[in-house]
Amino acid sequence: MLIGAVFGAVFVFVNASSPLNTVLATVLQVAASVALAFIVFMWFTAGKRLRTGAAAPPESPEEASTAAATC
């Protein structure tokens, strides 16, 4: 996903120039930049959740008691 976002942003920046209206080119470049920033932000937050274990669902009280009883 991150690689696709980077290549998509590069594609928009390279191709949004002479054939397009200046306002439209600027709007497309801003939209590509915002989308890329959002993907990078989501990539870092997903990596942080995986490293800290925050992505794991909380245990229910029944699971916690059965896990403690079997140990």
PDB file of N, CA and C in Angstrom:
ATOM      1  N   MET A   1       0.824  -1.179   0.000  1.00  0.00           N
ATOM      2  CA  MET A   1       0.000   0.000   0.000  1.00  0.00           C
ATOM      3  C   MET A   1       0.876   1.253   0.000  1.00  0.00           C
ATOM      4  N   LEU A   2       1.915   1.233   0.806  1.00  0.00           N
ATOM      5  CA  LEU A   2       2.797   2.391   0.893  1.00  0.00           C
ATOM      6  C   LEU A   2       3.522   2.621  -0.431  1.00  0.00           C
ATOM      7  N   ILE A   3       3.983   1.557  -1.047  1.00  0.00           N
ATOM      8  CA  ILE A   3       4.688   1.690  -2.322  1.00  0.00           C
ATOM      9  C   ILE A   3       3.746   2.234  -3.395  1.00  0.00           C
ATOM     10  N   GLY A   4       2.526   1.742  -3.424  1.00  0.00           N
ATOM     11  CA  GLY A   4       1.543   2.243  -4.384  1.00  0.00           C
ATOM     12  C   GLY A   4       1.214   3.713  -4.167  1.00  0.00           C
ATOM     13  N   ALA A   5       1.134   4.130  -2.915  1.00  0.00           N
ATOM     14  CA  ALA A   5       0.852   5.538  -2.622  1.00  0.00           C
ATOM     15  C   ALA A   5       2.004   6.429  -3.074  1.00  0.00           C
ATOM     16  N   VAL A   6       3.222   5.976  -2.864  1.00  0.00           N
ATOM     17  CA  VAL A   6       4.386   6.762  -3.285  1.00  0.00           C
ATOM     18  C   VAL A   6       4.430   6.873  -4.801  1.00  0.00           C
ATOM     19  N   PHE A   7       4.270   5.734  -5.493  1.00  0.00           N
ATOM     20  CA  PHE A   7       4.300   5.774  -6.954  1.00  0.00           C
ATOM     21  C   PHE A   7       3.126   6.572  -7.517  1.00  0.00           C
ATOM     22  N   GLY A   8       1.966   6.488  -6.894  1.00  0.00           N
ATOM     23  CA  GLY A   8       0.817   7.274  -7.334  1.00  0.00           C
ATOM     24  C   GLY A   8       1.058   8.764  -7.182  1.00  0.00           C
ATOM     25  N   ALA A   9       1.632   9.168  -6.057  1.00  0.00           N
ATOM     26  CA  ALA A   9       1.937  10.588  -5.840  1.00  0.00           C
ATOM     27  C   ALA A   9       2.983  11.073  -6.839  1.00  0.00           C
ATOM     28  N   VAL A  10       4.008  10.269  -7.082  1.00  0.00           N
ATOM     29  CA  VAL A  10       5.029  10.645  -8.065  1.00  0.00           C
ATOM     30  C   VAL A  10       4.403  10.768  -9.446  1.00  0.00           C
ATOM     31  N   PHE A  11       3.534   9.842  -9.806  1.00  0.00           N
ATOM     32  CA  PHE A  11       2.858   9.879 -11.102  1.00  0.00           C
ATOM     33  C   PHE A  11       2.049  11.168 -11.256  1.00  0.00           C
ATOM     34  N   VAL A  12       1.306  11.542 -10.221  1.00  0.00           N
ATOM     35  CA  VAL A  12       0.500  12.759 -10.286  1.00  0.00           C
ATOM     36  C   VAL A  12       1.396  13.981 -10.410  1.00  0.00           C
ATOM     37  N   PHE A  13       2.476  14.046  -9.635  1.00  0.00           N
ATOM     38  CA  PHE A  13       3.354  15.213  -9.696  1.00  0.00           C
ATOM     39  C   PHE A  13       4.057  15.322 -11.048  1.00  0.00           C
ATOM     40  N   VAL A  14       4.422  14.206 -11.652  1.00  0.00           N
ATOM     41  CA  VAL A  14       5.112  14.247 -12.939  1.00  0.00           C
ATOM     42  C   VAL A  14       4.153  14.615 -14.064  1.00  0.00           C
ATOM     43  N   ASN A  15       2.940  14.074 -14.026  1.00  0.00           N
ATOM     44  CA  ASN A  15       2.019  14.242 -15.145  1.00  0.00           C
ATOM     45  C   ASN A  15       1.050  15.410 -15.003  1.00  0.00           C
ATOM     46  N   ALA A  16       0.962  16.042 -13.866  1.00  0.00           N
ATOM     47  CA  ALA A  16       0.023  17.160 -13.686  1.00  0.00           C
ATOM     48  C   ALA A  16       0.742  18.465 -13.971  1.00  0.00           C
ATOM     49  N   SER A  17       0.972  18.708 -15.237  1.00  0.00           N
ATOM     50  CA  SER A  17       1.671  19.952 -15.566  1.00  0.00           C
ATOM     51  C   SER A  17       1.072  20.581 -16.815  1.00  0.00           C
ATOM     52  N   SER A  18       1.745  20.515 -17.924  1.00  0.00           N
ATOM     53  CA  SER A  18       1.364  21.283 -19.102  1.00  0.00           C
ATOM     54  C   SER A  18      -0.019  20.963 -19.697  1.00  0.00           C
ATOM     55  N   PRO A  19      -0.452  19.730 -19.805  1.00  0.00           N
ATOM     56  CA  PRO A  19      -1.746  19.526 -20.469  1.00  0.00           C
ATOM     57  C   PRO A  19      -2.950  19.951 -19.623  1.00  0.00           C
ATOM     58  N   LEU A  20      -2.763  20.165 -18.347  1.00  0.00           N
ATOM     59  CA  LEU A  20      -3.880  20.495 -17.467  1.00  0.00           C
ATOM     60  C   LEU A  20      -3.902  21.973 -17.111  1.00  0.00           C
ATOM     61  N   ASN A  21      -5.059  22.417 -16.725  1.00  0.00           N
ATOM     62  CA  ASN A  21      -5.229  23.758 -16.193  1.00  0.00           C
ATOM     63  C   ASN A  21      -4.378  23.879 -14.927  1.00  0.00           C
ATOM     64  N   THR A  22      -3.844  25.047 -14.646  1.00  0.00           N
ATOM     65  CA  THR A  22      -2.966  25.225 -13.479  1.00  0.00           C
ATOM     66  C   THR A  22      -3.702  24.962 -12.178  1.00  0.00           C
ATOM     67  N   VAL A  23      -4.957  25.379 -12.090  1.00  0.00           N
ATOM     68  CA  VAL A  23      -5.731  25.166 -10.877  1.00  0.00           C
ATOM     69  C   VAL A  23      -5.994  23.679 -10.679  1.00  0.00           C
ATOM     70  N   LEU A  24      -6.374  22.990 -11.741  1.00  0.00           N
ATOM     71  CA  LEU A  24      -6.637  21.553 -11.648  1.00  0.00           C
ATOM     72  C   LEU A  24      -5.365  20.786 -11.289  1.00  0.00           C
ATOM     73  N   ALA A  25      -4.242  21.167 -11.871  1.00  0.00           N
ATOM     74  CA  ALA A  25      -2.970  20.515 -11.552  1.00  0.00           C
ATOM     75  C   ALA A  25      -2.620  20.709 -10.083  1.00  0.00           C
ATOM     76  N   THR A  26      -2.842  21.907  -9.565  1.00  0.00           N
ATOM     77  CA  THR A  26      -2.547  22.173  -8.156  1.00  0.00           C
ATOM     78  C   THR A  26      -3.472  21.377  -7.246  1.00  0.00           C
ATOM     79  N   VAL A  27      -4.745  21.309  -7.610  1.00  0.00           N
ATOM     80  CA  VAL A  27      -5.706  20.535  -6.806  1.00  0.00           C
ATOM     81  C   VAL A  27      -5.314  19.061  -6.790  1.00  0.00           C
ATOM     82  N   LEU A  28      -4.938  18.519  -7.943  1.00  0.00           N
ATOM     83  CA  LEU A  28      -4.524  17.113  -7.996  1.00  0.00           C
ATOM     84  C   LEU A  28      -3.251  16.868  -7.190  1.00  0.00           C
ATOM     85  N   GLN A  29      -2.314  17.788  -7.239  1.00  0.00           N
ATOM     86  CA  GLN A  29      -1.081  17.632  -6.478  1.00  0.00           C
ATOM     87  C   GLN A  29      -1.333  17.702  -4.978  1.00  0.00           C
ATOM     88  N   VAL A  30      -2.215  18.599  -4.564  1.00  0.00           N
ATOM     89  CA  VAL A  30      -2.569  18.684  -3.138  1.00  0.00           C
ATOM     90  C   VAL A  30      -3.280  17.411  -2.696  1.00  0.00           C
ATOM     91  N   ALA A  31      -4.212  16.918  -3.512  1.00  0.00           N
ATOM     92  CA  ALA A  31      -4.925  15.684  -3.167  1.00  0.00           C
ATOM     93  C   ALA A  31      -3.963  14.496  -3.075  1.00  0.00           C
ATOM     94  N   ALA A  32      -3.005  14.422  -3.993  1.00  0.00           N
ATOM     95  CA  ALA A  32      -2.015  13.339  -3.949  1.00  0.00           C
ATOM     96  C   ALA A  32      -1.137  13.451  -2.707  1.00  0.00           C
ATOM     97  N   SER A  33      -0.785  14.670  -2.331  1.00  0.00           N
ATOM     98  CA  SER A  33       0.043  14.869  -1.137  1.00  0.00           C
ATOM     99  C   SER A  33      -0.706  14.487   0.129  1.00  0.00           C
ATOM    100  N   VAL A  34      -1.980  14.858   0.207  1.00  0.00           N
ATOM    101  CA  VAL A  34      -2.790  14.515   1.383  1.00  0.00           C
ATOM    102  C   VAL A  34      -2.979  13.002   1.471  1.00  0.00           C
ATOM    103  N   ALA A  35      -3.253  12.374   0.340  1.00  0.00           N
ATOM    104  CA  ALA A  35      -3.429  10.917   0.337  1.00  0.00           C
ATOM    105  C   ALA A  35      -2.143  10.206   0.751  1.00  0.00           C
ATOM    106  N   LEU A  36      -1.017  10.668   0.243  1.00  0.00           N
ATOM    107  CA  LEU A  36       0.261  10.061   0.616  1.00  0.00           C
ATOM    108  C   LEU A  36       0.548  10.261   2.100  1.00  0.00           C
ATOM    109  N   ALA A  37       0.286  11.452   2.612  1.00  0.00           N
ATOM    110  CA  ALA A  37       0.505  11.714   4.036  1.00  0.00           C
ATOM    111  C   ALA A  37      -0.394  10.831   4.895  1.00  0.00           C
ATOM    112  N   PHE A  38      -1.629  10.630   4.471  1.00  0.00           N
ATOM    113  CA  PHE A  38      -2.551   9.770   5.218  1.00  0.00           C
ATOM    114  C   PHE A  38      -2.064   8.317   5.226  1.00  0.00           C
ATOM    115  N   ILE A  39      -1.612   7.832   4.082  1.00  0.00           N
ATOM    116  CA  ILE A  39      -1.114   6.445   4.008  1.00  0.00           C
ATOM    117  C   ILE A  39       0.127   6.276   4.881  1.00  0.00           C
ATOM    118  N   VAL A  40       1.032   7.238   4.847  1.00  0.00           N
ATOM    119  CA  VAL A  40       2.242   7.154   5.682  1.00  0.00           C
ATOM    120  C   VAL A  40       1.866   7.193   7.158  1.00  0.00           C
ATOM    121  N   PHE A  41       0.926   8.068   7.532  1.00  0.00           N
ATOM    122  CA  PHE A  41       0.451   8.136   8.910  1.00  0.00           C
ATOM    123  C   PHE A  41      -0.158   6.801   9.339  1.00  0.00           C
ATOM    124  N   MET A  42      -1.005   6.213   8.509  1.00  0.00           N
ATOM    125  CA  MET A  42      -1.620   4.925   8.839  1.00  0.00           C
ATOM    126  C   MET A  42      -0.574   3.817   8.925  1.00  0.00           C
ATOM    127  N   TRP A  43       0.453   3.879   8.091  1.00  0.00           N
ATOM    128  CA  TRP A  43       1.508   2.875   8.107  1.00  0.00           C
ATOM    129  C   TRP A  43       2.274   2.933   9.428  1.00  0.00           C
ATOM    130  N   PHE A  44       2.599   4.151   9.876  1.00  0.00           N
ATOM    131  CA  PHE A  44       3.320   4.283  11.139  1.00  0.00           C
ATOM    132  C   PHE A  44       2.447   3.888  12.338  1.00  0.00           C
ATOM    133  N   THR A  45       1.176   4.264  12.336  1.00  0.00           N
ATOM    134  CA  THR A  45       0.325   3.901  13.470  1.00  0.00           C
ATOM    135  C   THR A  45       0.055   2.404  13.502  1.00  0.00           C
ATOM    136  N   ALA A  46      -0.059   1.772  12.351  1.00  0.00           N
ATOM    137  CA  ALA A  46      -0.251   0.315  12.322  1.00  0.00           C
ATOM    138  C   ALA A  46       1.001  -0.386  12.827  1.00  0.00           C
ATOM    139  N   GLY A  47       2.165   0.105  12.444  1.00  0.00           N
ATOM    140  CA  GLY A  47       3.414  -0.477  12.931  1.00  0.00           C
ATOM    141  C   GLY A  47       3.567  -0.295  14.424  1.00  0.00           C
ATOM    142  N   LYS A  48       3.151   0.835  14.936  1.00  0.00           N
ATOM    143  CA  LYS A  48       3.239   1.077  16.379  1.00  0.00           C
ATOM    144  C   LYS A  48       2.306   0.140  17.138  1.00  0.00           C
ATOM    145  N   ARG A  49       1.093  -0.061  16.599  1.00  0.00           N
ATOM    146  CA  ARG A  49       0.154  -0.967  17.272  1.00  0.00           C
ATOM    147  C   ARG A  49       0.679  -2.392  17.286  1.00  0.00           C
ATOM    148  N   LEU A  50       1.350  -2.818  16.226  1.00  0.00           N
ATOM    149  CA  LEU A  50       1.894  -4.175  16.190  1.00  0.00           C
ATOM    150  C   LEU A  50       3.056  -4.331  17.163  1.00  0.00           C
ATOM    151  N   ARG A  51       3.886  -3.286  17.287  1.00  0.00           N
ATOM    152  CA  ARG A  51       5.033  -3.373  18.206  1.00  0.00           C
ATOM    153  C   ARG A  51       4.600  -3.356  19.661  1.00  0.00           C
ATOM    154  N   THR A  52       3.565  -2.589  19.995  1.00  0.00           N
ATOM    155  CA  THR A  52       3.154  -2.476  21.394  1.00  0.00           C
ATOM    156  C   THR A  52       2.138  -3.531  21.787  1.00  0.00           C
ATOM    157  N   GLY A  53       1.568  -4.225  20.816  1.00  0.00           N
ATOM    158  CA  GLY A  53       0.549  -5.220  21.126  1.00  0.00           C
ATOM    159  C   GLY A  53      -0.820  -4.617  21.318  1.00  0.00           C
ATOM    160  N   ALA A  54      -0.988  -3.350  20.992  1.00  0.00           N
ATOM    161  CA  ALA A  54      -2.281  -2.693  21.165  1.00  0.00           C
ATOM    162  C   ALA A  54      -3.311  -3.199  20.167  1.00  0.00           C
ATOM    163  N   ALA A  55      -2.860  -3.884  19.121  1.00  0.00           N
ATOM    164  CA  ALA A  55      -3.790  -4.385  18.116  1.00  0.00           C
ATOM    165  C   ALA A  55      -4.507  -5.646  18.593  1.00  0.00           C
ATOM    166  N   ALA A  56      -3.995  -6.290  19.630  1.00  0.00           N
ATOM    167  CA  ALA A  56      -4.620  -7.509  20.137  1.00  0.00           C
ATOM    168  C   ALA A  56      -5.910  -7.169  20.870  1.00  0.00           C
ATOM    169  N   PRO A  57      -6.959  -7.925  20.626  1.00  0.00           N
ATOM    170  CA  PRO A  57      -8.209  -7.633  21.330  1.00  0.00           C
ATOM    171  C   PRO A  57      -8.079  -7.953  22.820  1.00  0.00           C
ATOM    172  N   PRO A  58      -8.780  -7.224  23.651  1.00  0.00           N
ATOM    173  CA  PRO A  58      -8.692  -7.503  25.093  1.00  0.00           C
ATOM    174  C   PRO A  58      -9.327  -8.854  25.415  1.00  0.00           C
ATOM    175  N   GLU A  59      -8.802  -9.489  26.431  1.00  0.00           N
ATOM    176  CA  GLU A  59      -9.343 -10.789  26.841  1.00  0.00           C
ATOM    177  C   GLU A  59     -10.627 -10.592  27.625  1.00  0.00           C
ATOM    178  N   SER A  60     -11.551 -11.509  27.403  1.00  0.00           N
ATOM    179  CA  SER A  60     -12.769 -11.467  28.205  1.00  0.00           C
ATOM    180  C   SER A  60     -12.465 -12.063  29.580  1.00  0.00           C
ATOM    181  N   PRO A  61     -13.257 -11.757  30.591  1.00  0.00           N
ATOM    182  CA  PRO A  61     -12.987 -12.301  31.939  1.00  0.00           C
ATOM    183  C   PRO A  61     -13.006 -13.835  31.972  1.00  0.00           C
ATOM    184  N   GLU A  62     -13.842 -14.449  31.121  1.00  0.00           N
ATOM    185  CA  GLU A  62     -13.896 -15.915  31.104  1.00  0.00           C
ATOM    186  C   GLU A  62     -12.595 -16.496  30.569  1.00  0.00           C
ATOM    187  N   GLU A  63     -12.046 -15.883  29.497  1.00  0.00           N
ATOM    188  CA  GLU A  63     -10.794 -16.376  28.929  1.00  0.00           C
ATOM    189  C   GLU A  63      -9.642 -16.192  29.910  1.00  0.00           C
ATOM    190  N   ALA A  64      -9.638 -15.085  30.616  1.00  0.00           N
ATOM    191  CA  ALA A  64      -8.560 -14.815  31.567  1.00  0.00           C
ATOM    192  C   ALA A  64      -8.599 -15.822  32.714  1.00  0.00           C
ATOM    193  N   SER A  65      -9.788 -16.176  33.200  1.00  0.00           N
ATOM    194  CA  SER A  65      -9.872 -17.107  34.308  1.00  0.00           C
ATOM    195  C   SER A  65      -9.499 -18.526  33.879  1.00  0.00           C
ATOM    196  N   THR A  66      -9.893 -18.940  32.673  1.00  0.00           N
ATOM    197  CA  THR A  66      -9.529 -20.277  32.203  1.00  0.00           C
ATOM    198  C   THR A  66      -8.046 -20.354  31.896  1.00  0.00           C
ATOM    199  N   ALA A  67      -7.444 -19.263  31.385  1.00  0.00           N
ATOM    200  CA  ALA A  67      -6.005 -19.264  31.123  1.00  0.00           C
ATOM    201  C   ALA A  67      -5.224 -19.332  32.426  1.00  0.00           C
ATOM    202  N   ALA A  68      -5.690 -18.641  33.449  1.00  0.00           N
ATOM    203  CA  ALA A  68      -5.008 -18.661  34.747  1.00  0.00           C
ATOM    204  C   ALA A  68      -5.160 -20.011  35.414  1.00  0.00           C
ATOM    205  N   ALA A  69      -6.291 -20.672  35.211  1.00  0.00           N
ATOM    206  CA  ALA A  69      -6.528 -21.966  35.842  1.00  0.00           C
ATOM    207  C   ALA A  69      -5.703 -23.067  35.192  1.00  0.00           C
ATOM    208  N   THR A  70      -5.410 -22.941  33.908  1.00  0.00           N
ATOM    209  CA  THR A  70      -4.657 -24.006  33.223  1.00  0.00           C
ATOM    210  C   THR A  70      -3.161 -23.874  33.442  1.00  0.00           C
ATOM    211  N   CYS A  71      -2.676 -22.704  33.835  1.00  0.00           N
ATOM    212  CA  CYS A  71      -1.221 -22.510  34.007  1.00  0.00           C
ATOM    213  C   CYS A  71      -0.759 -23.071  35.274  1.00  0.00           C
TER     214      CYS A  71
END
